Amino acid sequence: MHIRDWAICLVEPNKYEAQILNDLLWAAGSQRSKVFLDSVDAMQALELWPANVVIAALESQPVDGVEWTRQFRRNMKLANRKAPIFLTSRAFSRATAEECRHAGANALIGKPVSGATLIATITKVLASPRPFIDAQGYVGPCRRAGIVTAGTGSRRRRSDESAERAAPSQIAGAVAALTQAVSRAFDGKGDLDSCLPHLNQVIAIAEKAGDGPMMRACAAFALQLAAKGLKRDAEKAALAVCLAGVSELAALAIGEAAKREALAEGVRQAVAKAAQQKAA
């Protein structure tokens, strides 16, 4: 199934993380997705809407992801209760994975989630569908092969502190490489696809540092790189805002929260404006 054919239901109580995930999906080519902050609202909507991919946070509210998955599998009113369910969580462990498996989930993905990990995991599950079991004690994909897991979550150890201290210089270098790649594309010496590996490097460092504003700005940046049909001037203007925003975020201290949130929002608005120009 091509990503354009995915009808995605995204259940995430944190509106910022929901936006990041939705932007990552759109950047990868997804064209049909609905976001729900409330898990009960999502269940009600799915009675009418046949989603074929469900991504839900383990920390969903008011019904948590495990119980919500269990209810989803047993709800005969749903338009597609056999849809694969991908649970996301920062509580990434073998015990958590087993709990998700027995509830009827197809996969557990550790947060923070990268676009590459998310798309690869969904693609892997869709490529090898398991028999659907509908028994008194269990409803969901066959559990014999276990559950697909991806990512490592945000567990941190004291031994990680040196890596965190090195993050500022690492992200500065990654942003410098991204800047060079975008400049080459502007000068006709390369294409925008060559910028993606450098942007992914920035995202990886931001994820490791738990840098939410940078992750949101990069998600919008990735969406702009994937955009098609824009006039050259509009495309360059939007990418220039993206690059400036990411560069400024890399230079600002993590503690300057208000400035960093404003920068990330500025990048998102620039990409949204460019998309509106394309639609017009």
C-alpha atoms as a PDB file:
ATOM      1  CA  MET A   1       0.000   0.000   0.000  1.00  0.00           C
ATOM      2  CA  HIS A   2       1.440   3.372  -1.027  1.00  0.00           C
ATOM      3  CA  ILE A   3       1.684   6.052   1.643  1.00  0.00           C
ATOM      4  CA  ARG A   4      -0.768   8.201  -0.333  1.00  0.00           C
ATOM      5  CA  ASP A   5      -3.366   5.491   0.315  1.00  0.00           C
ATOM      6  CA  TRP A   6      -2.918   5.512   4.084  1.00  0.00           C
ATOM      7  CA  ALA A   7      -5.953   6.853   5.936  1.00  0.00           C
ATOM      8  CA  ILE A   8      -4.303   7.718   9.243  1.00  0.00           C
ATOM      9  CA  CYS A   9      -5.933   8.224  12.612  1.00  0.00           C
ATOM     10  CA  LEU A  10      -3.481   9.931  14.973  1.00  0.00           C
ATOM     11  CA  VAL A  11      -4.334   9.936  18.691  1.00  0.00           C
ATOM     12  CA  GLU A  12      -1.929  12.080  20.710  1.00  0.00           C
ATOM     13  CA  PRO A  13      -2.847  14.122  23.835  1.00  0.00           C
ATOM     14  CA  ASN A  14       0.083  16.518  23.452  1.00  0.00           C
ATOM     15  CA  LYS A  15      -0.854  18.977  20.696  1.00  0.00           C
ATOM     16  CA  TYR A  16       2.793  19.776  19.939  1.00  0.00           C
ATOM     17  CA  GLU A  17       3.798  16.145  19.521  1.00  0.00           C
ATOM     18  CA  ALA A  18       0.641  15.581  17.474  1.00  0.00           C
ATOM     19  CA  GLN A  19       1.691  18.388  15.146  1.00  0.00           C
ATOM     20  CA  ILE A  20       5.212  16.971  14.810  1.00  0.00           C
ATOM     21  CA  LEU A  21       3.939  13.508  13.911  1.00  0.00           C
ATOM     22  CA  ASN A  22       1.385  14.892  11.490  1.00  0.00           C
ATOM     23  CA  ASP A  23       4.027  17.077   9.803  1.00  0.00           C
ATOM     24  CA  LEU A  24       6.385  14.108   9.505  1.00  0.00           C
ATOM     25  CA  LEU A  25       3.636  12.050   7.861  1.00  0.00           C
ATOM     26  CA  TRP A  26       2.776  14.833   5.434  1.00  0.00           C
ATOM     27  CA  ALA A  27       6.442  15.331   4.582  1.00  0.00           C
ATOM     28  CA  ALA A  28       6.670  11.640   3.703  1.00  0.00           C
ATOM     29  CA  GLY A  29       3.685  11.879   1.337  1.00  0.00           C
ATOM     30  CA  SER A  30       0.651  11.187   3.514  1.00  0.00           C
ATOM     31  CA  GLN A  31      -2.440  12.995   2.238  1.00  0.00           C
ATOM     32  CA  ARG A  32      -5.191  11.725   4.541  1.00  0.00           C
ATOM     33  CA  SER A  33      -4.888  12.015   8.290  1.00  0.00           C
ATOM     34  CA  LYS A  34      -7.055  13.073  11.218  1.00  0.00           C
ATOM     35  CA  VAL A  35      -5.633  14.142  14.566  1.00  0.00           C
ATOM     36  CA  PHE A  36      -7.392  13.597  17.898  1.00  0.00           C
ATOM     37  CA  LEU A  37      -6.215  14.871  21.270  1.00  0.00           C
ATOM     38  CA  ASP A  38      -8.975  12.906  23.048  1.00  0.00           C
ATOM     39  CA  SER A  39      -8.999   9.107  22.728  1.00  0.00           C
ATOM     40  CA  VAL A  40     -12.771   8.846  23.283  1.00  0.00           C
ATOM     41  CA  ASP A  41     -13.413  11.314  20.455  1.00  0.00           C
ATOM     42  CA  ALA A  42     -11.127   9.258  18.228  1.00  0.00           C
ATOM     43  CA  MET A  43     -13.043   6.046  18.950  1.00  0.00           C
ATOM     44  CA  GLN A  44     -16.348   7.710  18.134  1.00  0.00           C
ATOM     45  CA  ALA A  45     -15.009   9.139  14.881  1.00  0.00           C
ATOM     46  CA  LEU A  46     -13.674   5.737  13.824  1.00  0.00           C
ATOM     47  CA  GLU A  47     -17.177   4.289  13.924  1.00  0.00           C
ATOM     48  CA  LEU A  48     -17.802   6.245  10.717  1.00  0.00           C
ATOM     49  CA  TRP A  49     -14.323   6.677   9.249  1.00  0.00           C
ATOM     50  CA  PRO A  50     -12.489   3.543   7.993  1.00  0.00           C
ATOM     51  CA  ALA A  51      -8.894   4.421   8.893  1.00  0.00           C
ATOM     52  CA  ASN A  52      -6.374   1.841   7.697  1.00  0.00           C
ATOM     53  CA  VAL A  53      -3.496   3.048   9.912  1.00  0.00           C
ATOM     54  CA  VAL A  54      -3.908   3.998  13.574  1.00  0.00           C
ATOM     55  CA  ILE A  55      -1.138   5.721  15.550  1.00  0.00           C
ATOM     56  CA  ALA A  56      -1.941   6.214  19.236  1.00  0.00           C
ATOM     57  CA  ALA A  57       0.076   7.366  22.231  1.00  0.00           C
ATOM     58  CA  LEU A  58       0.331   4.997  25.160  1.00  0.00           C
ATOM     59  CA  GLU A  59      -0.258   8.081  27.300  1.00  0.00           C
ATOM     60  CA  SER A  60      -3.578   8.900  25.563  1.00  0.00           C
ATOM     61  CA  GLN A  61      -6.358  10.425  27.652  1.00  0.00           C
ATOM     62  CA  PRO A  62      -8.918   9.829  29.050  1.00  0.00           C
ATOM     63  CA  VAL A  63      -8.426   6.188  27.993  1.00  0.00           C
ATOM     64  CA  ASP A  64      -4.762   5.108  27.848  1.00  0.00           C
ATOM     65  CA  GLY A  65      -3.331   3.525  24.718  1.00  0.00           C
ATOM     66  CA  VAL A  66      -3.326  -0.076  25.948  1.00  0.00           C
ATOM     67  CA  GLU A  67      -6.930  -0.057  27.129  1.00  0.00           C
ATOM     68  CA  TRP A  68      -7.971   1.967  24.087  1.00  0.00           C
ATOM     69  CA  THR A  69      -6.411  -0.658  21.811  1.00  0.00           C
ATOM     70  CA  ARG A  70      -8.258  -3.406  23.663  1.00  0.00           C
ATOM     71  CA  GLN A  71     -11.554  -1.550  23.281  1.00  0.00           C
ATOM     72  CA  PHE A  72     -10.832  -0.771  19.633  1.00  0.00           C
ATOM     73  CA  ARG A  73     -10.323  -4.425  18.741  1.00  0.00           C
ATOM     74  CA  ARG A  74     -13.606  -5.435  20.410  1.00  0.00           C
ATOM     75  CA  ASN A  75     -15.780  -2.593  19.170  1.00  0.00           C
ATOM     76  CA  MET A  76     -18.091  -4.080  16.549  1.00  0.00           C
ATOM     77  CA  LYS A  77     -19.356  -0.594  15.613  1.00  0.00           C
ATOM     78  CA  LEU A  78     -16.006   0.424  14.130  1.00  0.00           C
ATOM     79  CA  ALA A  79     -15.678   0.812  10.375  1.00  0.00           C
ATOM     80  CA  ASN A  80     -12.324  -1.034  10.460  1.00  0.00           C
ATOM     81  CA  ARG A  81     -11.418  -2.639  13.768  1.00  0.00           C
ATOM     82  CA  LYS A  82      -8.756  -4.748  12.010  1.00  0.00           C
ATOM     83  CA  ALA A  83      -6.650  -1.690  11.139  1.00  0.00           C
ATOM     84  CA  PRO A  84      -3.022  -1.975  12.320  1.00  0.00           C
ATOM     85  CA  ILE A  85      -2.342  -0.060  15.530  1.00  0.00           C
ATOM     86  CA  PHE A  86       1.021   1.572  16.219  1.00  0.00           C
ATOM     87  CA  LEU A  87       1.447   2.659  19.834  1.00  0.00           C
ATOM     88  CA  THR A  88       4.022   5.315  20.697  1.00  0.00           C
ATOM     89  CA  SER A  89       5.533   5.868  24.132  1.00  0.00           C
ATOM     90  CA  ARG A  90       8.504   7.162  26.069  1.00  0.00           C
ATOM     91  CA  ALA A  91       8.050   4.177  28.406  1.00  0.00           C
ATOM     92  CA  PHE A  92       9.884   1.809  26.080  1.00  0.00           C
ATOM     93  CA  SER A  93      10.622  -1.581  27.626  1.00  0.00           C
ATOM     94  CA  ARG A  94      10.084  -5.287  27.030  1.00  0.00           C
ATOM     95  CA  ALA A  95       7.297  -5.334  29.617  1.00  0.00           C
ATOM     96  CA  THR A  96       5.550  -2.424  27.887  1.00  0.00           C
ATOM     97  CA  ALA A  97       5.885  -4.142  24.519  1.00  0.00           C
ATOM     98  CA  GLU A  98       4.317  -7.331  25.905  1.00  0.00           C
ATOM     99  CA  GLU A  99       1.431  -5.355  27.382  1.00  0.00           C
ATOM    100  CA  CYS A 100       0.817  -3.721  23.999  1.00  0.00           C
ATOM    101  CA  ARG A 101       1.033  -7.068  22.200  1.00  0.00           C
ATOM    102  CA  HIS A 102      -1.591  -8.678  24.408  1.00  0.00           C
ATOM    103  CA  ALA A 103      -3.884  -5.681  23.948  1.00  0.00           C
ATOM    104  CA  GLY A 104      -3.862  -6.219  20.175  1.00  0.00           C
ATOM    105  CA  ALA A 105      -1.322  -3.636  18.951  1.00  0.00           C
ATOM    106  CA  ASN A 106       0.843  -4.319  15.910  1.00  0.00           C
ATOM    107  CA  ALA A 107       3.866  -2.276  16.963  1.00  0.00           C
ATOM    108  CA  LEU A 108       5.387  -0.174  19.724  1.00  0.00           C
ATOM    109  CA  ILE A 109       7.513   2.818  18.706  1.00  0.00           C
ATOM    110  CA  GLY A 110       9.687   4.654  21.220  1.00  0.00           C
ATOM    111  CA  LYS A 111       9.494   8.433  21.500  1.00  0.00           C
ATOM    112  CA  PRO A 112      10.825  10.753  20.288  1.00  0.00           C
ATOM    113  CA  VAL A 113       9.839   9.416  16.867  1.00  0.00           C
ATOM    114  CA  SER A 114      11.780  10.212  13.702  1.00  0.00           C
ATOM    115  CA  GLY A 115      10.044  10.324  10.340  1.00  0.00           C
ATOM    116  CA  ALA A 116      12.244   7.544   8.971  1.00  0.00           C
ATOM    117  CA  THR A 117      11.486   5.226  11.891  1.00  0.00           C
ATOM    118  CA  LEU A 118       7.755   5.925  11.769  1.00  0.00           C
ATOM    119  CA  ILE A 119       7.377   5.348   8.024  1.00  0.00           C
ATOM    120  CA  ALA A 120       9.650   2.278   8.030  1.00  0.00           C
ATOM    121  CA  THR A 121       7.721   0.646  10.878  1.00  0.00           C
ATOM    122  CA  ILE A 122       4.324   1.249   9.311  1.00  0.00           C
ATOM    123  CA  THR A 123       5.579  -0.001   5.940  1.00  0.00           C
ATOM    124  CA  LYS A 124       7.027  -3.132   7.544  1.00  0.00           C
ATOM    125  CA  VAL A 125       3.758  -4.023   9.267  1.00  0.00           C
ATOM    126  CA  LEU A 126       1.610  -3.341   6.201  1.00  0.00           C
ATOM    127  CA  ALA A 127       3.909  -5.427   4.011  1.00  0.00           C
ATOM    128  CA  SER A 128       3.446  -8.548   6.173  1.00  0.00           C
ATOM    129  CA  PRO A 129      -0.124  -8.565   7.499  1.00  0.00           C
ATOM    130  CA  ARG A 130      -0.814 -11.144  10.206  1.00  0.00           C
ATOM    131  CA  PRO A 131      -3.972 -13.246  10.492  1.00  0.00           C
ATOM    132  CA  PHE A 132      -6.606 -11.494  12.577  1.00  0.00           C
ATOM    133  CA  ILE A 133      -7.669 -13.466  15.642  1.00  0.00           C
ATOM    134  CA  ASP A 134     -11.168 -12.922  16.998  1.00  0.00           C
ATOM    135  CA  ALA A 135     -11.482 -15.125  20.081  1.00  0.00           C
ATOM    136  CA  GLN A 136     -13.062 -14.755  23.490  1.00  0.00           C
ATOM    137  CA  GLY A 137      -9.766 -14.144  25.248  1.00  0.00           C
ATOM    138  CA  TYR A 138      -7.957 -12.128  22.575  1.00  0.00           C
ATOM    139  CA  VAL A 139      -8.801  -9.982  19.554  1.00  0.00           C
ATOM    140  CA  GLY A 140      -6.113  -8.643  17.273  1.00  0.00           C
ATOM    141  CA  PRO A 141      -3.231  -9.658  14.991  1.00  0.00           C
ATOM    142  CA  CYS A 142      -1.725 -13.087  15.656  1.00  0.00           C
ATOM    143  CA  ARG A 143       0.621 -12.778  18.645  1.00  0.00           C
ATOM    144  CA  ARG A 144       2.878 -15.748  17.922  1.00  0.00           C
ATOM    145  CA  ALA A 145       5.533 -13.702  16.119  1.00  0.00           C
ATOM    146  CA  GLY A 146       5.639 -11.115  18.908  1.00  0.00           C
ATOM    147  CA  ILE A 147       5.243  -7.398  18.352  1.00  0.00           C
ATOM    148  CA  VAL A 148       7.222  -5.098  16.082  1.00  0.00           C
ATOM    149  CA  THR A 149       9.306  -2.593  18.055  1.00  0.00           C
ATOM    150  CA  ALA A 150      11.254   0.438  16.874  1.00  0.00           C
ATOM    151  CA  GLY A 151      13.111   3.324  18.466  1.00  0.00           C
ATOM    152  CA  THR A 152      14.505   3.379  21.967  1.00  0.00           C
ATOM    153  CA  GLY A 153      12.372   5.979  23.717  1.00  0.00           C
ATOM    154  CA  SER A 154      13.815   8.837  25.740  1.00  0.00           C
ATOM    155  CA  ARG A 155      15.366   6.863  28.574  1.00  0.00           C
ATOM    156  CA  ARG A 156      18.461   8.658  29.807  1.00  0.00           C
ATOM    157  CA  ARG A 157      21.400   7.501  31.869  1.00  0.00           C
ATOM    158  CA  ARG A 158      24.139   9.413  33.631  1.00  0.00           C
ATOM    159  CA  SER A 159      26.565   8.105  31.052  1.00  0.00           C
ATOM    160  CA  ASP A 160      24.644  10.110  28.428  1.00  0.00           C
ATOM    161  CA  GLU A 161      25.561  13.434  30.033  1.00  0.00           C
ATOM    162  CA  SER A 162      28.761  13.843  28.012  1.00  0.00           C
ATOM    163  CA  ALA A 163      26.805  13.330  24.806  1.00  0.00           C
ATOM    164  CA  GLU A 164      24.302  15.969  25.896  1.00  0.00           C
ATOM    165  CA  ARG A 165      27.100  18.433  26.628  1.00  0.00           C
ATOM    166  CA  ALA A 166      28.462  17.838  23.125  1.00  0.00           C
ATOM    167  CA  ALA A 167      25.077  18.491  21.493  1.00  0.00           C
ATOM    168  CA  PRO A 168      25.553  22.269  20.869  1.00  0.00           C
ATOM    169  CA  SER A 169      28.716  21.767  18.798  1.00  0.00           C
ATOM    170  CA  GLN A 170      27.208  18.740  17.071  1.00  0.00           C
ATOM    171  CA  ILE A 171      24.051  20.551  16.035  1.00  0.00           C
ATOM    172  CA  ALA A 172      26.037  23.618  14.917  1.00  0.00           C
ATOM    173  CA  GLY A 173      28.059  21.409  12.578  1.00  0.00           C
ATOM    174  CA  ALA A 174      24.937  19.661  11.276  1.00  0.00           C
ATOM    175  CA  VAL A 175      23.201  23.000  10.636  1.00  0.00           C
ATOM    176  CA  ALA A 176      26.309  24.308   8.838  1.00  0.00           C
ATOM    177  CA  ALA A 177      26.269  21.257   6.538  1.00  0.00           C
ATOM    178  CA  LEU A 178      22.537  21.762   5.929  1.00  0.00           C
ATOM    179  CA  THR A 179      23.142  25.427   5.084  1.00  0.00           C
ATOM    180  CA  GLN A 180      25.787  24.475   2.533  1.00  0.00           C
ATOM    181  CA  ALA A 181      23.488  21.896   0.936  1.00  0.00           C
ATOM    182  CA  VAL A 182      20.626  24.404   0.615  1.00  0.00           C
ATOM    183  CA  SER A 183      23.010  27.026  -0.809  1.00  0.00           C
ATOM    184  CA  ARG A 184      24.237  24.562  -3.434  1.00  0.00           C
ATOM    185  CA  ALA A 185      20.619  23.783  -4.371  1.00  0.00           C
ATOM    186  CA  PHE A 186      19.847  27.514  -4.687  1.00  0.00           C
ATOM    187  CA  ASP A 187      22.906  27.963  -6.924  1.00  0.00           C
ATOM    188  CA  GLY A 188      21.898  25.082  -9.163  1.00  0.00           C
ATOM    189  CA  LYS A 189      24.836  22.924  -8.059  1.00  0.00           C
ATOM    190  CA  GLY A 190      22.629  20.338  -6.355  1.00  0.00           C
ATOM    191  CA  ASP A 191      19.001  19.447  -5.718  1.00  0.00           C
ATOM    192  CA  LEU A 192      16.807  19.719  -2.652  1.00  0.00           C
ATOM    193  CA  ASP A 193      16.813  15.950  -2.135  1.00  0.00           C
ATOM    194  CA  SER A 194      20.488  16.237  -1.219  1.00  0.00           C
ATOM    195  CA  CYS A 195      19.477  18.440   1.736  1.00  0.00           C
ATOM    196  CA  LEU A 196      17.407  15.726   3.411  1.00  0.00           C
ATOM    197  CA  PRO A 197      20.308  13.679   4.881  1.00  0.00           C
ATOM    198  CA  HIS A 198      21.671  16.834   6.524  1.00  0.00           C
ATOM    199  CA  LEU A 199      18.230  17.800   7.848  1.00  0.00           C
ATOM    200  CA  ASN A 200      17.771  14.287   9.208  1.00  0.00           C
ATOM    201  CA  GLN A 201      21.078  14.664  11.056  1.00  0.00           C
ATOM    202  CA  VAL A 202      19.813  17.844  12.714  1.00  0.00           C
ATOM    203  CA  ILE A 203      16.578  16.057  13.646  1.00  0.00           C
ATOM    204  CA  ALA A 204      18.483  13.134  15.158  1.00  0.00           C
ATOM    205  CA  ILE A 205      20.544  15.445  17.368  1.00  0.00           C
ATOM    206  CA  ALA A 206      17.452  17.434  18.383  1.00  0.00           C
ATOM    207  CA  GLU A 207      15.624  14.221  19.298  1.00  0.00           C
ATOM    208  CA  LYS A 208      18.500  13.057  21.460  1.00  0.00           C
ATOM    209  CA  ALA A 209      18.536  16.396  23.269  1.00  0.00           C
ATOM    210  CA  GLY A 210      14.743  16.475  23.642  1.00  0.00           C
ATOM    211  CA  ASP A 211      14.655  19.813  21.767  1.00  0.00           C
ATOM    212  CA  GLY A 212      10.954  20.212  20.932  1.00  0.00           C
ATOM    213  CA  PRO A 213      11.116  23.572  19.096  1.00  0.00           C
ATOM    214  CA  MET A 214      13.958  22.376  16.863  1.00  0.00           C
ATOM    215  CA  MET A 215      12.094  19.155  16.094  1.00  0.00           C
ATOM    216  CA  ARG A 216       8.961  21.098  15.134  1.00  0.00           C
ATOM    217  CA  ALA A 217      10.919  23.501  12.962  1.00  0.00           C
ATOM    218  CA  CYS A 218      12.708  20.614  11.241  1.00  0.00           C
ATOM    219  CA  ALA A 219       9.400  18.803  10.637  1.00  0.00           C
ATOM    220  CA  ALA A 220       8.113  21.915   8.849  1.00  0.00           C
ATOM    221  CA  PHE A 221      11.441  22.212   6.991  1.00  0.00           C
ATOM    222  CA  ALA A 222      11.095  18.611   5.779  1.00  0.00           C
ATOM    223  CA  LEU A 223       7.546  19.335   4.659  1.00  0.00           C
ATOM    224  CA  GLN A 224       8.791  22.302   2.606  1.00  0.00           C
ATOM    225  CA  LEU A 225      11.586  20.256   1.016  1.00  0.00           C
ATOM    226  CA  ALA A 226       9.000  17.699  -0.092  1.00  0.00           C
ATOM    227  CA  ALA A 227       6.593  20.323  -1.489  1.00  0.00           C
ATOM    228  CA  LYS A 228       6.011  20.340  -5.244  1.00  0.00           C
ATOM    229  CA  GLY A 229       4.483  22.854  -7.604  1.00  0.00           C
ATOM    230  CA  LEU A 230       5.672  26.093  -5.985  1.00  0.00           C
ATOM    231  CA  LYS A 231       7.070  28.969  -7.987  1.00  0.00           C
ATOM    232  CA  ARG A 232      10.844  29.198  -7.622  1.00  0.00           C
ATOM    233  CA  ASP A 233      10.781  32.547  -5.802  1.00  0.00           C
ATOM    234  CA  ALA A 234       8.146  31.356  -3.307  1.00  0.00           C
ATOM    235  CA  GLU A 235      10.035  28.121  -2.759  1.00  0.00           C
ATOM    236  CA  LYS A 236      13.313  29.939  -2.083  1.00  0.00           C
ATOM    237  CA  ALA A 237      11.621  32.396   0.276  1.00  0.00           C
ATOM    238  CA  ALA A 238      10.030  29.604   2.333  1.00  0.00           C
ATOM    239  CA  LEU A 239      13.255  27.604   2.489  1.00  0.00           C
ATOM    240  CA  ALA A 240      15.193  30.718   3.502  1.00  0.00           C
ATOM    241  CA  VAL A 241      12.840  31.203   6.465  1.00  0.00           C
ATOM    242  CA  CYS A 242      13.209  27.524   7.384  1.00  0.00           C
ATOM    243  CA  LEU A 243      16.976  27.692   7.255  1.00  0.00           C
ATOM    244  CA  ALA A 244      17.149  30.954   9.209  1.00  0.00           C
ATOM    245  CA  GLY A 245      14.821  29.568  11.875  1.00  0.00           C
ATOM    246  CA  VAL A 246      16.779  26.353  12.322  1.00  0.00           C
ATOM    247  CA  SER A 247      20.069  28.284  12.425  1.00  0.00           C
ATOM    248  CA  GLU A 248      18.771  30.671  15.085  1.00  0.00           C
ATOM    249  CA  LEU A 249      17.381  27.788  17.131  1.00  0.00           C
ATOM    250  CA  ALA A 250      20.780  26.098  17.052  1.00  0.00           C
ATOM    251  CA  ALA A 251      22.383  29.268  18.381  1.00  0.00           C
ATOM    252  CA  LEU A 252      19.880  29.902  21.190  1.00  0.00           C
ATOM    253  CA  ALA A 253      20.202  28.263  24.590  1.00  0.00           C
ATOM    254  CA  ILE A 254      17.599  25.649  25.495  1.00  0.00           C
ATOM    255  CA  GLY A 255      16.504  27.845  28.398  1.00  0.00           C
ATOM    256  CA  GLU A 256      15.294  30.632  26.085  1.00  0.00           C
ATOM    257  CA  ALA A 257      11.976  28.852  25.716  1.00  0.00           C
ATOM    258  CA  ALA A 258       9.775  31.741  24.571  1.00  0.00           C
ATOM    259  CA  LYS A 259      12.143  32.830  21.798  1.00  0.00           C
ATOM    260  CA  ARG A 260      12.639  29.257  20.644  1.00  0.00           C
ATOM    261  CA  GLU A 261       8.899  28.524  20.523  1.00  0.00           C
ATOM    262  CA  ALA A 262       8.350  31.733  18.511  1.00  0.00           C
ATOM    263  CA  LEU A 263      11.058  30.739  16.022  1.00  0.00           C
ATOM    264  CA  ALA A 264       9.599  27.267  15.546  1.00  0.00           C
ATOM    265  CA  GLU A 265       6.140  28.734  15.007  1.00  0.00           C
ATOM    266  CA  GLY A 266       7.564  31.213  12.502  1.00  0.00           C
ATOM    267  CA  VAL A 267       8.986  28.355  10.454  1.00  0.00           C
ATOM    268  CA  ARG A 268       5.692  26.489  10.551  1.00  0.00           C
ATOM    269  CA  GLN A 269       3.758  29.582   9.459  1.00  0.00           C
ATOM    270  CA  ALA A 270       6.135  30.198   6.558  1.00  0.00           C
ATOM    271  CA  VAL A 271       5.619  26.659   5.293  1.00  0.00           C
ATOM    272  CA  ALA A 272       1.854  26.947   5.748  1.00  0.00           C
ATOM    273  CA  LYS A 273       1.854  30.221   3.785  1.00  0.00           C
ATOM    274  CA  ALA A 274       3.823  28.617   0.971  1.00  0.00           C
ATOM    275  CA  ALA A 275       1.321  25.746   0.858  1.00  0.00           C
ATOM    276  CA  GLN A 276      -1.542  28.253   0.571  1.00  0.00           C
ATOM    277  CA  GLN A 277       0.203  29.958  -2.345  1.00  0.00           C
ATOM    278  CA  LYS A 278       0.482  26.575  -4.037  1.00  0.00           C
ATOM    279  CA  ALA A 279      -3.218  25.890  -3.477  1.00  0.00           C
ATOM    280  CA  ALA A 280      -4.124  29.287  -4.943  1.00  0.00           C
END
